[in-house]
Protein backbone atom coordinates (compact mmCIF):
# COMPACT_ATOMS: atom_id res chain seq x y z
CA MET A 1 12.71 -2.23 7.89
CA GLY A 2 9.89 -4.48 6.85
CA ILE A 3 7.92 -7.03 4.75
CA PHE A 4 9.90 -5.15 1.58
CA GLY A 5 13.64 -4.74 2.46
CA ALA A 6 15.01 -1.10 2.00
CA SER A 7 17.74 -1.78 -0.18
CA SER A 8 15.85 -3.57 -2.90
CA ILE A 9 12.26 -2.11 -3.11
CA LEU A 10 11.22 1.58 -4.98
CA GLY A 11 9.12 3.32 -2.71
CA ILE A 12 5.74 4.36 -4.50
CA SER A 13 7.26 7.59 -6.08
CA GLY A 14 9.40 5.20 -8.14
CA LEU A 15 5.77 3.78 -10.09
CA VAL A 16 3.88 7.12 -9.78
CA GLY A 17 4.85 10.17 -10.97
CA ILE A 18 3.84 13.66 -8.99
CA SER A 19 2.06 16.23 -10.57
CA ASN A 20 3.60 20.05 -11.21
CA SER A 21 -0.05 21.49 -10.46
CA ARG A 22 -0.58 19.38 -7.71
CA PRO A 23 2.08 18.03 -6.29
CA ASP A 24 0.57 16.16 -3.35
CA LEU A 25 -1.15 13.92 -5.93
CA ALA A 26 0.55 10.73 -6.68
CA VAL A 27 -0.62 9.70 -10.50
CA PHE A 28 0.38 6.92 -12.14
CA ASN A 29 2.01 8.46 -15.34
CA GLY A 30 4.57 10.73 -14.54
CA PRO A 31 8.10 10.52 -15.71
CA ALA A 32 9.60 9.20 -12.90
CA ALA A 33 6.69 6.01 -13.65
CA ALA A 34 7.90 6.32 -17.39
CA ALA A 35 11.93 6.00 -16.34
CA LEU A 36 10.83 2.61 -14.61
CA ALA A 37 8.22 1.07 -17.15
CA VAL A 38 8.04 -2.21 -16.69
CA PRO A 39 8.35 -4.55 -19.41
CA GLU A 40 4.79 -6.16 -20.79
CA PRO A 41 3.77 -9.08 -18.57
CA SER A 42 4.50 -12.83 -20.06
CA ARG A 43 1.22 -14.52 -21.17
CA GLY A 44 2.38 -17.95 -21.94
CA ALA A 45 5.28 -20.27 -21.74
CA ASP A 46 6.69 -18.34 -24.51
CA GLY A 47 6.93 -15.27 -23.12
CA ALA A 48 8.39 -16.74 -20.02
CA TRP A 49 11.86 -15.79 -20.03
CA ALA A 50 13.09 -12.74 -19.09
CA GLN A 51 13.16 -10.19 -21.83
CA SER A 52 16.82 -8.83 -22.68
CA GLY A 53 18.00 -5.58 -20.96
CA ALA A 54 14.31 -5.37 -19.35
CA ALA A 55 13.76 -3.47 -16.54
CA LYS A 56 12.60 -5.54 -13.49
CA VAL A 57 10.55 -4.77 -10.52
CA PRO A 58 12.50 -4.53 -7.62
CA GLU A 59 12.81 -7.44 -5.18
CA ALA A 60 10.61 -7.69 -2.49
CA ARG A 61 12.12 -9.45 1.47
CA PRO A 62 9.45 -10.43 3.16
CA ARG A 63 9.63 -10.37 7.00
CA GLU A 64 8.27 -12.26 10.16
CA VAL A 65 6.09 -10.55 11.95
CA VAL A 66 2.81 -10.11 14.50
CA ASP A 67 2.11 -13.05 17.23
CA SER A 68 -0.94 -15.65 16.90
CA LYS A 69 -4.32 -14.70 18.20
CA SER A 70 -7.67 -16.69 18.40
CA GLY A 71 -9.01 -17.52 15.19
CA GLU A 72 -6.15 -16.16 13.21
CA SER A 73 -2.64 -17.42 12.58
CA GLY A 74 0.31 -15.13 12.71
CA TRP A 75 1.65 -16.64 9.60
CA ILE A 76 3.03 -13.97 7.20
CA PRO A 77 5.76 -14.80 4.68
CA GLY A 78 9.29 -14.84 6.24
CA SER A 79 12.65 -14.10 4.22
CA ALA A 80 13.18 -16.37 1.27
CA PRO A 81 16.98 -16.00 0.54
CA SER A 82 17.98 -15.61 -3.30
CA ALA A 83 21.54 -15.85 -3.26
CA ALA A 84 23.29 -18.41 -5.08
CA PRO A 85 23.77 -21.76 -4.40
CA SER A 86 27.43 -21.57 -3.91
CA VAL A 87 26.99 -19.02 -0.96
CA ILE A 88 23.41 -20.91 0.43
CA THR A 89 22.91 -24.73 0.10
CA VAL A 90 19.69 -26.46 0.87
CA GLU A 91 20.43 -30.01 2.46
CA PRO A 92 18.29 -32.58 0.30
CA PRO A 93 15.88 -34.84 2.46
CA ALA A 94 17.24 -38.01 3.86
CA LEU A 95 14.44 -40.24 3.09
CA PRO A 96 13.59 -40.87 -0.52
CA GLU A 97 10.45 -39.34 -2.12
CA SER A 98 8.67 -42.79 -2.04
CA ASP A 99 8.92 -43.39 1.76
CA GLY A 100 5.20 -41.75 2.67
CA TRP A 101 3.74 -38.49 2.84
CA GLU A 102 5.80 -36.58 5.06
CA ALA A 103 9.03 -37.60 2.67
CA GLU A 104 7.10 -36.64 -0.11
CA PHE A 105 6.29 -33.09 1.32
CA SER A 106 9.95 -32.57 2.31
CA TRP A 107 11.16 -33.28 -0.87
CA GLY A 108 8.54 -30.72 -1.75
CA VAL A 109 9.89 -28.09 -0.15
CA TYR A 110 13.64 -28.98 -0.77
CA TYR A 111 12.54 -28.23 -4.60
CA SER A 112 10.82 -25.06 -3.58
CA LYS A 113 13.34 -23.39 -1.98
CA ARG A 114 16.09 -24.38 -4.81
CA ALA A 115 13.81 -22.86 -7.25
CA CYS A 116 13.35 -19.79 -4.73
CA MET A 117 17.08 -19.44 -4.14
CA ALA A 118 17.96 -19.68 -8.30
CA ALA A 119 19.13 -16.78 -10.50
CA GLU A 120 16.57 -16.51 -13.21
CA SER A 121 19.39 -17.64 -15.59
CA ALA A 122 20.06 -20.57 -13.36
CA ALA A 123 16.44 -21.37 -12.64
CA GLY A 124 16.96 -24.74 -15.39
CA PRO A 125 14.51 -26.13 -17.74
CA TRP A 126 10.99 -24.32 -18.03
CA ALA A 127 7.67 -25.83 -18.66
CA SER A 128 3.68 -24.70 -19.20
CA ASP A 129 1.82 -24.90 -16.24
CA TRP A 130 -0.90 -26.64 -17.65
CA LYS A 131 -2.58 -27.30 -14.11
CA GLY A 132 -2.54 -24.06 -12.84
CA SER A 133 -1.43 -20.64 -14.33
CA ARG A 134 -0.59 -21.94 -18.10
CA ALA A 135 2.08 -20.06 -18.03
CA GLY A 136 5.79 -20.93 -17.92
CA VAL A 137 7.39 -21.52 -14.87
CA PRO A 138 10.55 -23.28 -13.66
CA ARG A 139 9.96 -26.93 -14.15
CA GLN A 140 11.66 -27.23 -10.51
CA MET A 141 9.15 -25.40 -8.97
CA LEU A 142 6.36 -27.06 -10.82
CA ARG A 143 7.85 -30.18 -9.29
CA ALA A 144 8.00 -28.74 -5.49
CA GLU A 145 4.56 -27.85 -6.39
CA ASP A 146 3.23 -30.90 -7.15
CA LEU A 147 4.88 -32.99 -4.84
CA LEU A 148 3.41 -30.52 -2.10
CA ALA A 149 -0.62 -31.08 -3.42
CA THR A 150 0.12 -34.80 -3.38
CA ALA A 151 1.75 -35.07 -0.10
CA VAL A 152 -0.99 -32.76 1.46
CA GLN A 153 -3.81 -34.95 0.24
CA ALA A 154 -2.32 -38.23 1.36
CA ALA A 155 -1.63 -36.57 4.85
CA PRO A 156 -3.79 -37.69 7.69
CA GLN A 157 -6.42 -35.49 8.36
CA GLN A 158 -5.05 -34.08 11.94
CA HIS A 159 -1.97 -32.78 9.60
CA GLN A 160 -3.46 -31.62 6.51
CA ARG A 161 -4.39 -28.46 8.14
CA VAL A 162 -0.73 -27.06 9.33
CA LYS A 163 0.70 -28.65 5.86
CA LEU A 164 -1.63 -27.00 3.59
CA ALA A 165 -1.08 -23.47 5.39
CA GLU A 166 2.61 -24.55 4.62
CA ARG A 167 1.93 -25.24 0.97
CA ALA A 168 0.31 -21.61 0.59
CA LEU A 169 3.35 -20.49 2.37
CA ARG A 170 5.66 -21.79 -0.59
CA LEU A 171 3.02 -20.87 -2.86
CA TYR A 172 3.65 -17.19 -2.22
CA TYR A 173 7.87 -17.37 -2.27
CA HIS A 174 6.75 -18.95 -5.72
CA ALA A 175 4.80 -16.22 -6.80
CA LYS A 176 7.26 -13.43 -5.31
CA TRP A 177 9.70 -14.80 -7.58
CA LEU A 178 7.86 -14.93 -10.75
CA ALA A 179 7.02 -11.05 -9.75
CA GLU A 180 9.92 -9.74 -9.33
CA ARG A 181 10.96 -11.15 -12.76
CA ASN A 182 7.61 -10.06 -14.35
CA HIS A 183 6.06 -13.28 -15.33
CA ALA A 184 2.97 -11.46 -14.35
CA THR A 185 0.25 -14.41 -15.33
CA ALA A 186 2.53 -17.22 -13.08
CA ALA A 187 2.55 -14.52 -10.28
CA GLU A 188 -1.02 -13.77 -10.47
CA TRP A 189 -2.17 -17.18 -10.48
CA ARG A 190 0.08 -17.86 -7.38
CA TYR A 191 -0.86 -14.94 -5.28
CA ARG A 192 -4.29 -15.69 -5.57
CA GLU A 193 -4.43 -19.60 -4.97
CA ALA A 194 -2.23 -19.11 -1.73
CA SER A 195 -4.62 -16.52 -0.46
CA HIS A 196 -7.37 -19.25 -1.20
CA LEU A 197 -5.47 -22.33 0.57
CA ALA A 198 -4.27 -19.93 3.64
CA ARG A 199 -8.12 -18.90 3.77
CA GLN A 200 -9.05 -22.75 4.13
CA THR A 201 -6.34 -22.56 6.61
CA ARG A 202 -7.58 -19.55 8.90
CA ARG A 203 -4.64 -17.91 8.03
CA ASN A 204 -6.27 -15.14 7.19
CA VAL A 205 -2.76 -12.20 7.66
CA LEU A 206 -1.12 -14.46 5.04
CA ALA A 207 -4.17 -14.64 2.80
CA ALA A 208 -4.57 -10.68 3.18
CA HIS A 209 -0.56 -10.11 2.47
CA ALA A 210 -0.44 -12.13 -0.66
CA LEU A 211 -3.61 -10.12 -2.38
CA GLY A 212 -1.58 -6.97 -1.22
CA ARG A 213 1.54 -8.25 -2.76
CA LEU A 214 -0.11 -8.81 -5.43
CA GLY A 215 -2.14 -5.51 -5.27
CA TYR A 216 1.67 -3.70 -5.17
CA PHE A 217 3.00 -5.69 -8.36
CA LEU A 218 -0.42 -4.99 -10.16
CA ILE A 219 0.19 -1.39 -9.81
CA HIS A 220 3.79 -2.12 -11.26
CA TRP A 221 2.16 -3.68 -14.14
CA ARG A 222 -0.17 -0.60 -14.80
CA ARG A 223 -3.52 -2.96 -14.00
CA LEU A 224 -4.42 -0.23 -11.67
CA THR A 225 -8.31 -1.38 -11.56
CA GLU A 226 -8.01 -4.74 -10.96
CA ALA A 227 -4.87 -3.52 -8.36
CA LYS A 228 -7.88 -1.73 -6.36
CA GLU A 229 -10.01 -4.88 -6.78
CA VAL A 230 -7.41 -6.90 -5.09
CA LEU A 231 -6.39 -4.19 -2.63
CA GLN A 232 -10.02 -4.14 -1.35
CA GLU A 233 -10.13 -7.81 -1.14
CA SER A 234 -7.35 -7.88 0.91
CA GLN A 235 -8.58 -5.22 3.45
CA ARG A 236 -11.67 -6.96 3.52
CA ILE A 237 -9.50 -10.28 4.71
CA SER A 238 -7.70 -8.74 7.49
CA SER A 239 -6.67 -5.89 8.31
CA LYS A 240 -3.88 -7.06 10.84
CA SER A 241 -0.52 -6.31 9.70
CA ASN A 242 -1.60 -5.32 7.00
CA PRO A 243 -0.26 -1.47 6.31
CA LEU A 244 0.42 -2.11 2.36
CA ALA A 245 -3.12 -2.48 1.47
CA PRO A 246 -4.71 0.36 2.82
CA TYR A 247 -1.49 2.77 1.72
CA LEU A 248 -1.61 1.67 -1.77
CA LEU A 249 -5.54 2.05 -1.49
CA GLY A 250 -5.21 5.19 -0.86
CA LEU A 251 -2.83 6.75 -3.42
CA LEU A 252 -5.02 4.75 -6.32
CA GLU A 253 -8.08 6.74 -4.82
CA ARG A 254 -6.56 9.93 -4.67
CA GLN A 255 -5.40 9.52 -8.13
CA ASP A 256 -9.32 8.64 -8.98
CA ALA A 257 -11.10 11.42 -6.76
CA GLY A 258 -10.77 14.40 -8.68
CA LYS A 259 -12.33 17.44 -7.18
CA ASP A 260 -14.55 14.73 -4.99
CA THR A 261 -13.79 16.26 -1.41
CA ALA A 262 -15.32 13.14 0.15
CA ARG A 263 -13.00 10.84 -1.82
CA ILE A 264 -10.17 12.85 -1.40
CA LEU A 265 -10.48 12.84 2.50
CA ALA A 266 -11.63 9.46 2.59
CA ALA A 267 -8.07 8.38 0.76
CA GLU A 268 -5.74 11.04 2.60
CA GLU A 269 -7.22 9.08 5.94
CA LEU A 270 -6.27 5.79 4.55
CA ILE A 271 -2.72 6.64 4.15
CA ILE A 272 -2.17 8.57 7.12
CA ASN A 273 -3.97 5.64 9.27
CA ALA A 274 -2.11 2.95 7.26
CA GLY A 275 0.72 3.07 9.58
CA GLU A 276 4.27 2.02 9.11
CA GLN A 277 4.96 0.60 5.99
CA PRO A 278 6.89 -2.64 4.99
CA SER A 279 10.14 -0.46 3.60
CA SER A 280 11.68 2.62 4.33
CA ASP A 281 11.26 3.86 1.18
CA LEU A 282 7.26 3.49 1.15
CA GLU A 283 7.18 4.62 4.76
CA ALA A 284 9.50 7.53 3.92
CA GLU A 285 6.89 8.40 0.85
CA ARG A 286 4.20 7.83 3.01
CA GLN A 287 5.34 10.47 5.67
CA ARG A 288 6.08 13.25 2.58
CA LEU A 289 2.30 12.74 1.36
CA MET A 290 1.40 13.16 5.00
CA GLN A 291 3.28 16.49 5.28
CA VAL A 292 1.24 17.83 2.75
CA PRO A 293 -2.10 17.53 3.08
CA GLY A 294 -2.61 21.28 2.49
CA THR A 295 -1.85 21.44 -0.90
CA GLN A 296 -5.04 19.41 -2.19
CA ALA A 297 -7.15 21.78 0.12
CA ARG A 298 -5.23 24.63 -1.32
CA THR A 299 -6.09 23.41 -4.63
CA VAL A 300 -10.01 22.70 -3.98
CA CYS A 301 -10.61 26.02 -1.90
CA GLN A 302 -9.36 28.17 -4.70
CA GLU A 303 -11.69 26.90 -6.80
CA ASP A 304 -14.92 26.39 -4.55
CA PHE A 305 -14.48 28.28 -1.33
CA ARG A 306 -17.03 26.41 0.78
CA MET A 307 -15.34 23.38 0.03
CA CYS A 308 -12.37 24.60 1.16
CA TRP A 309 -13.94 24.87 4.87
CA MET A 310 -15.47 21.73 4.91
CA LEU A 311 -11.76 20.49 4.28
CA LEU A 312 -10.19 22.17 6.72
CA GLU A 313 -12.43 21.17 9.77
CA LYS A 314 -11.86 17.55 8.86
CA SER A 315 -8.03 18.39 8.21
CA LEU A 316 -7.98 19.91 11.88
CA ALA A 317 -9.42 16.49 13.16
CA LEU A 318 -6.74 14.42 10.83
CA TYR A 319 -3.54 16.32 11.09
CA TYR A 320 -3.76 18.21 13.98
CA GLY A 321 -0.16 17.85 15.45
CA ASN A 322 1.22 18.12 11.93
CA CYS A 323 0.47 21.52 10.87
CA THR A 324 3.59 22.88 12.13
CA HIS A 325 4.98 20.87 9.10
CA LEU A 326 2.76 22.71 6.38
CA GLN A 327 4.25 25.49 4.50
CA PRO A 328 2.47 29.13 4.02
CA SER A 329 2.89 28.72 0.35
CA GLN A 330 0.65 25.12 0.43
CA ARG A 331 -2.25 26.94 1.85
CA CYS A 332 -4.47 29.35 0.72
CA LEU A 333 -5.16 32.48 3.03
CA SER A 334 -8.39 30.64 4.91
CA CYS A 335 -6.68 27.49 5.32
CA GLU A 336 -3.27 29.42 6.83
CA MET A 337 -5.61 31.44 8.97
CA LEU A 338 -8.13 28.16 10.30
CA LEU A 339 -4.56 26.50 10.97
CA ARG A 340 -2.98 29.18 12.84
CA LEU A 341 -5.92 29.94 15.03
CA ARG A 342 -6.74 26.07 16.07
CA MET A 343 -9.64 27.08 17.93
CA PRO A 344 -12.54 24.61 18.87
CA TRP A 345 -15.03 27.37 18.75
CA LEU A 346 -14.55 28.43 15.18
CA GLN A 347 -14.71 24.40 14.25
CA LEU A 348 -18.09 24.72 16.18
CA LEU A 349 -19.33 27.92 13.71
CA LEU A 350 -17.96 26.19 10.68
CA ARG A 351 -20.23 22.93 11.38
CA PRO A 352 -23.29 24.37 9.91
CA TRP A 353 -22.61 24.96 5.94
CA SER A 354 -25.13 27.43 5.43
CA LEU A 355 -24.02 29.93 8.16
CA SER A 356 -22.40 32.48 5.73
CA LEU A 357 -18.62 33.45 6.31
CA ARG A 358 -19.76 37.14 6.90
CA ALA A 359 -21.62 36.07 9.84
CA LEU A 360 -18.24 34.98 11.31
CA SER A 361 -17.11 38.64 11.33
CA GLN A 362 -19.85 39.83 13.66
CA PRO A 363 -18.85 40.68 17.22
CA ARG A 364 -21.94 38.93 19.00
CA MET A 365 -21.19 35.75 17.78
CA LEU A 366 -17.82 35.84 19.32
CA ALA A 367 -17.76 35.13 23.50
CA ARG A 368 -16.90 38.00 25.76
CA SER A 369 -14.10 37.07 27.02
CA LEU A 370 -12.19 36.20 23.83
CA ARG A 371 -9.25 38.04 22.91
CA VAL A 372 -7.43 36.39 19.50
CA GLN A 373 -4.43 37.86 18.13
CA ILE A 374 -3.76 36.35 14.88
CA GLN A 375 -0.02 36.23 14.20
CA GLY A 376 1.92 36.11 10.87
CA PHE A 377 -0.50 37.38 8.43
CA GLY A 378 0.61 41.11 8.34
CA PHE A 379 -3.15 42.22 8.76
CA GLY A 380 -2.97 43.02 12.80
CA ALA A 381 -6.33 41.54 12.90
CA THR A 382 -7.23 41.60 16.21
CA ALA A 383 -10.37 40.54 18.83
CA ASP A 384 -11.12 42.05 21.77
CA ASN A 385 -14.00 41.36 24.04
CA GLY A 386 -16.04 40.95 20.79
CA ALA A 387 -15.42 45.12 19.75
CA ARG A 388 -13.54 43.88 16.98
CA THR A 389 -13.84 41.17 13.98
CA ILE A 390 -11.14 38.96 13.76
CA LEU A 391 -12.07 38.66 9.74
CA ASN A 392 -11.32 41.72 7.71
CA PRO A 393 -14.75 42.22 5.41
CA SER A 394 -11.92 44.39 2.66
CA TRP A 395 -10.71 40.66 2.15
CA PRO A 396 -11.47 39.14 -1.43
CA TRP A 397 -13.35 36.60 0.82
CA PHE A 398 -16.24 39.37 0.90
């Protein structure tokens, strides 16, 4: 269903725990996170090989997507199969490497595909990447990168842009292969380099995707501050077909927001507006979070009633149509009343925050023709031609 395959990727709930006191807030230190702990990232050639028995970051299976538009390419990483060579084979180029820059580039693509298809145990010898990340990388992968770089430099001017973009795409796949196996240093350098090269060729979608996937893995590696910076940069480069970056940013912002109402609302807007996620697990997690927005409002309004009204007015605009998904147990009494009324005039009354709640109970503030029946509360409160109040002064708010 998306850039990450549903069968091979964990939802974001796999890397975040859910607080018992605030079940709608994603926190990054819960029991689920502990159960899925990722081993320490490799920091050089000596740490490039997999740790025995270590948990793996789930494999990501990208897809091809979007159409090209003016000024921006639709290049987004397609699928890079990770099957055994006995199942899928890559035919070597017919021309020798020495037969010009095109042959050299073809051999670079050949070695790159073979490296990305190999299992870690069958990746062959490893070597230090002294030209780039200075971390351990399969020698076949390094050979591919050297051939691609040399061929692009030797290509005629009219071909360089296209070949440079293809080189960026191969680097993206190398980064993906390494990141899934927790070789963080080597993977991070390649994600950043792929984004840099893609921007040089105005493939902004690919550039944004590279940083978005890097942000995803940085969260798995518990480098949350760096992840936020990378995801923000991904959004700045391109928001086109880039739903993962705003969604992950929204989760990180909600974690950091505390009781800051403005940040809470901004984070929830990011989650809602992110759009369909690149995997079924991530999308299911996003839908679950969208179904309980009242929980955070309830936590805030129990401590500061004025904040509650401000949150709820914004919530009506953000979540109108999703109100039926909110459970009464997830809202305080004021949230329940406002969400059931859903009345534009009440929103207008709440705009001036200096307006006291008691003022809402005055009959003169209600339209003469208004008739409201509040159902489901058990209070029997009604307003008929302004003769009665919709708020009971005996309630604990007054």
